[in-house]
Amino acid sequence: MTEATLPLVKRASVRWAAAAIVLVAGYAELWVGSQTVAPLLLTIGYCGLVPFAILA
């Protein structure tokens, strides 16, 4: 990789990591029994952060 593409790879990795953290938190809340926070986190993760990371 060249030095010019390194910041792009780092940004993409941060976006994927953020999506993964939100999804794991959503499934953890779902496992605990949350009926409000879990669907919210999963919706934000799957409908917002994952597409954002794919397009990055």
N, C-alpha and C. Protein backbone atom coordinates (compact mmCIF):
# COMPACT_ATOMS: atom_id res chain seq x y z
N MET A 1 0.83 -1.18 0.00
CA MET A 1 0.00 0.00 0.00
C MET A 1 0.88 1.24 0.00
N THR A 2 0.38 2.23 -0.67
CA THR A 2 1.12 3.47 -0.68
C THR A 2 0.71 4.31 0.51
N GLU A 3 1.48 5.34 0.75
CA GLU A 3 1.17 6.22 1.87
C GLU A 3 -0.11 7.01 1.64
N ALA A 4 -0.50 7.20 0.39
CA ALA A 4 -1.71 7.97 0.10
C ALA A 4 -2.97 7.17 0.42
N THR A 5 -2.93 5.85 0.30
CA THR A 5 -4.12 5.05 0.56
C THR A 5 -4.24 4.61 2.01
N LEU A 6 -3.18 4.77 2.79
CA LEU A 6 -3.20 4.33 4.18
C LEU A 6 -4.27 5.04 5.01
N PRO A 7 -4.44 6.36 4.91
CA PRO A 7 -5.51 7.00 5.69
C PRO A 7 -6.90 6.50 5.29
N LEU A 8 -7.11 6.16 4.02
CA LEU A 8 -8.40 5.64 3.58
C LEU A 8 -8.67 4.28 4.19
N VAL A 9 -7.66 3.44 4.26
CA VAL A 9 -7.82 2.12 4.87
C VAL A 9 -8.09 2.26 6.36
N LYS A 10 -7.42 3.19 7.00
CA LYS A 10 -7.63 3.40 8.43
C LYS A 10 -9.05 3.89 8.69
N ARG A 11 -9.55 4.81 7.87
CA ARG A 11 -10.92 5.31 8.04
C ARG A 11 -11.93 4.19 7.83
N ALA A 12 -11.72 3.37 6.83
CA ALA A 12 -12.63 2.25 6.57
C ALA A 12 -12.61 1.26 7.73
N SER A 13 -11.44 1.01 8.28
CA SER A 13 -11.34 0.09 9.42
C SER A 13 -12.06 0.64 10.64
N VAL A 14 -11.96 1.93 10.86
CA VAL A 14 -12.66 2.55 11.99
C VAL A 14 -14.17 2.46 11.79
N ARG A 15 -14.63 2.65 10.56
CA ARG A 15 -16.07 2.55 10.29
C ARG A 15 -16.57 1.13 10.49
N TRP A 16 -15.82 0.13 10.04
CA TRP A 16 -16.22 -1.25 10.25
C TRP A 16 -16.19 -1.61 11.73
N ALA A 17 -15.20 -1.11 12.44
CA ALA A 17 -15.11 -1.38 13.88
C ALA A 17 -16.29 -0.76 14.62
N ALA A 18 -16.68 0.45 14.24
CA ALA A 18 -17.83 1.10 14.87
C ALA A 18 -19.10 0.30 14.60
N ALA A 19 -19.26 -0.18 13.38
CA ALA A 19 -20.44 -0.99 13.04
C ALA A 19 -20.45 -2.28 13.85
N ALA A 20 -19.30 -2.91 13.98
CA ALA A 20 -19.22 -4.17 14.73
C ALA A 20 -19.52 -3.95 16.21
N ILE A 21 -19.02 -2.86 16.77
CA ILE A 21 -19.27 -2.57 18.19
C ILE A 21 -20.74 -2.32 18.44
N VAL A 22 -21.38 -1.56 17.57
CA VAL A 22 -22.81 -1.28 17.73
C VAL A 22 -23.63 -2.56 17.57
N LEU A 23 -23.27 -3.41 16.63
CA LEU A 23 -24.00 -4.66 16.43
C LEU A 23 -23.82 -5.61 17.61
N VAL A 24 -22.61 -5.71 18.12
CA VAL A 24 -22.37 -6.57 19.28
C VAL A 24 -23.13 -6.04 20.49
N ALA A 25 -23.14 -4.73 20.67
CA ALA A 25 -23.89 -4.14 21.77
C ALA A 25 -25.39 -4.40 21.61
N GLY A 26 -25.87 -4.33 20.38
CA GLY A 26 -27.28 -4.61 20.12
C GLY A 26 -27.65 -6.04 20.44
N TYR A 27 -26.82 -6.98 20.02
CA TYR A 27 -27.10 -8.38 20.32
C TYR A 27 -26.94 -8.67 21.81
N ALA A 28 -26.02 -8.00 22.48
CA ALA A 28 -25.88 -8.17 23.93
C ALA A 28 -27.13 -7.67 24.65
N GLU A 29 -27.64 -6.54 24.24
CA GLU A 29 -28.87 -6.02 24.82
C GLU A 29 -30.05 -6.93 24.53
N LEU A 30 -30.07 -7.51 23.34
CA LEU A 30 -31.14 -8.44 22.98
C LEU A 30 -31.08 -9.69 23.86
N TRP A 31 -29.89 -10.16 24.13
CA TRP A 31 -29.70 -11.33 24.96
C TRP A 31 -30.16 -11.06 26.40
N VAL A 32 -29.93 -9.84 26.88
CA VAL A 32 -30.34 -9.46 28.23
C VAL A 32 -31.86 -9.34 28.31
N GLY A 33 -32.49 -8.99 27.22
CA GLY A 33 -33.94 -8.89 27.20
C GLY A 33 -34.47 -7.51 26.92
N SER A 34 -33.63 -6.63 26.47
CA SER A 34 -34.06 -5.27 26.17
C SER A 34 -35.01 -5.26 24.98
N GLN A 35 -36.09 -4.52 25.12
CA GLN A 35 -37.05 -4.42 24.03
C GLN A 35 -37.02 -3.06 23.35
N THR A 36 -36.20 -2.15 23.85
CA THR A 36 -36.13 -0.81 23.27
C THR A 36 -34.75 -0.52 22.69
N VAL A 37 -33.73 -0.74 23.50
CA VAL A 37 -32.37 -0.38 23.09
C VAL A 37 -31.84 -1.34 22.03
N ALA A 38 -32.09 -2.63 22.19
CA ALA A 38 -31.55 -3.62 21.25
C ALA A 38 -32.03 -3.38 19.82
N PRO A 39 -33.34 -3.23 19.58
CA PRO A 39 -33.75 -2.98 18.19
C PRO A 39 -33.20 -1.68 17.64
N LEU A 40 -33.07 -0.69 18.49
CA LEU A 40 -32.52 0.60 18.06
C LEU A 40 -31.06 0.44 17.63
N LEU A 41 -30.27 -0.22 18.45
CA LEU A 41 -28.86 -0.42 18.10
C LEU A 41 -28.69 -1.28 16.85
N LEU A 42 -29.49 -2.34 16.73
CA LEU A 42 -29.38 -3.20 15.56
C LEU A 42 -29.82 -2.49 14.29
N THR A 43 -30.84 -1.66 14.40
CA THR A 43 -31.28 -0.89 13.23
C THR A 43 -30.21 0.11 12.81
N ILE A 44 -29.65 0.81 13.78
CA ILE A 44 -28.59 1.77 13.47
C ILE A 44 -27.39 1.05 12.85
N GLY A 45 -27.05 -0.11 13.40
CA GLY A 45 -25.91 -0.86 12.88
C GLY A 45 -26.12 -1.38 11.48
N TYR A 46 -27.25 -2.07 11.27
CA TYR A 46 -27.48 -2.71 9.96
C TYR A 46 -27.94 -1.73 8.88
N CYS A 47 -28.72 -0.74 9.25
CA CYS A 47 -29.26 0.17 8.24
C CYS A 47 -28.45 1.45 8.07
N GLY A 48 -27.57 1.71 9.01
CA GLY A 48 -26.80 2.94 8.94
C GLY A 48 -25.30 2.72 8.81
N LEU A 49 -24.73 2.05 9.80
CA LEU A 49 -23.26 1.95 9.86
C LEU A 49 -22.67 0.95 8.88
N VAL A 50 -23.31 -0.19 8.68
CA VAL A 50 -22.77 -1.18 7.74
C VAL A 50 -22.78 -0.64 6.31
N PRO A 51 -23.89 -0.07 5.82
CA PRO A 51 -23.84 0.52 4.47
C PRO A 51 -22.82 1.65 4.37
N PHE A 52 -22.71 2.44 5.44
CA PHE A 52 -21.73 3.53 5.45
C PHE A 52 -20.32 2.98 5.34
N ALA A 53 -20.04 1.87 6.02
CA ALA A 53 -18.72 1.26 5.95
C ALA A 53 -18.47 0.62 4.58
N ILE A 54 -19.51 0.06 3.98
CA ILE A 54 -19.35 -0.55 2.65
C ILE A 54 -19.04 0.52 1.61
N LEU A 55 -19.72 1.65 1.69
CA LEU A 55 -19.52 2.71 0.72
C LEU A 55 -18.22 3.47 0.92
N ALA A 56 -17.59 3.30 2.06
CA ALA A 56 -16.36 4.06 2.35
C ALA A 56 -15.21 3.59 1.49
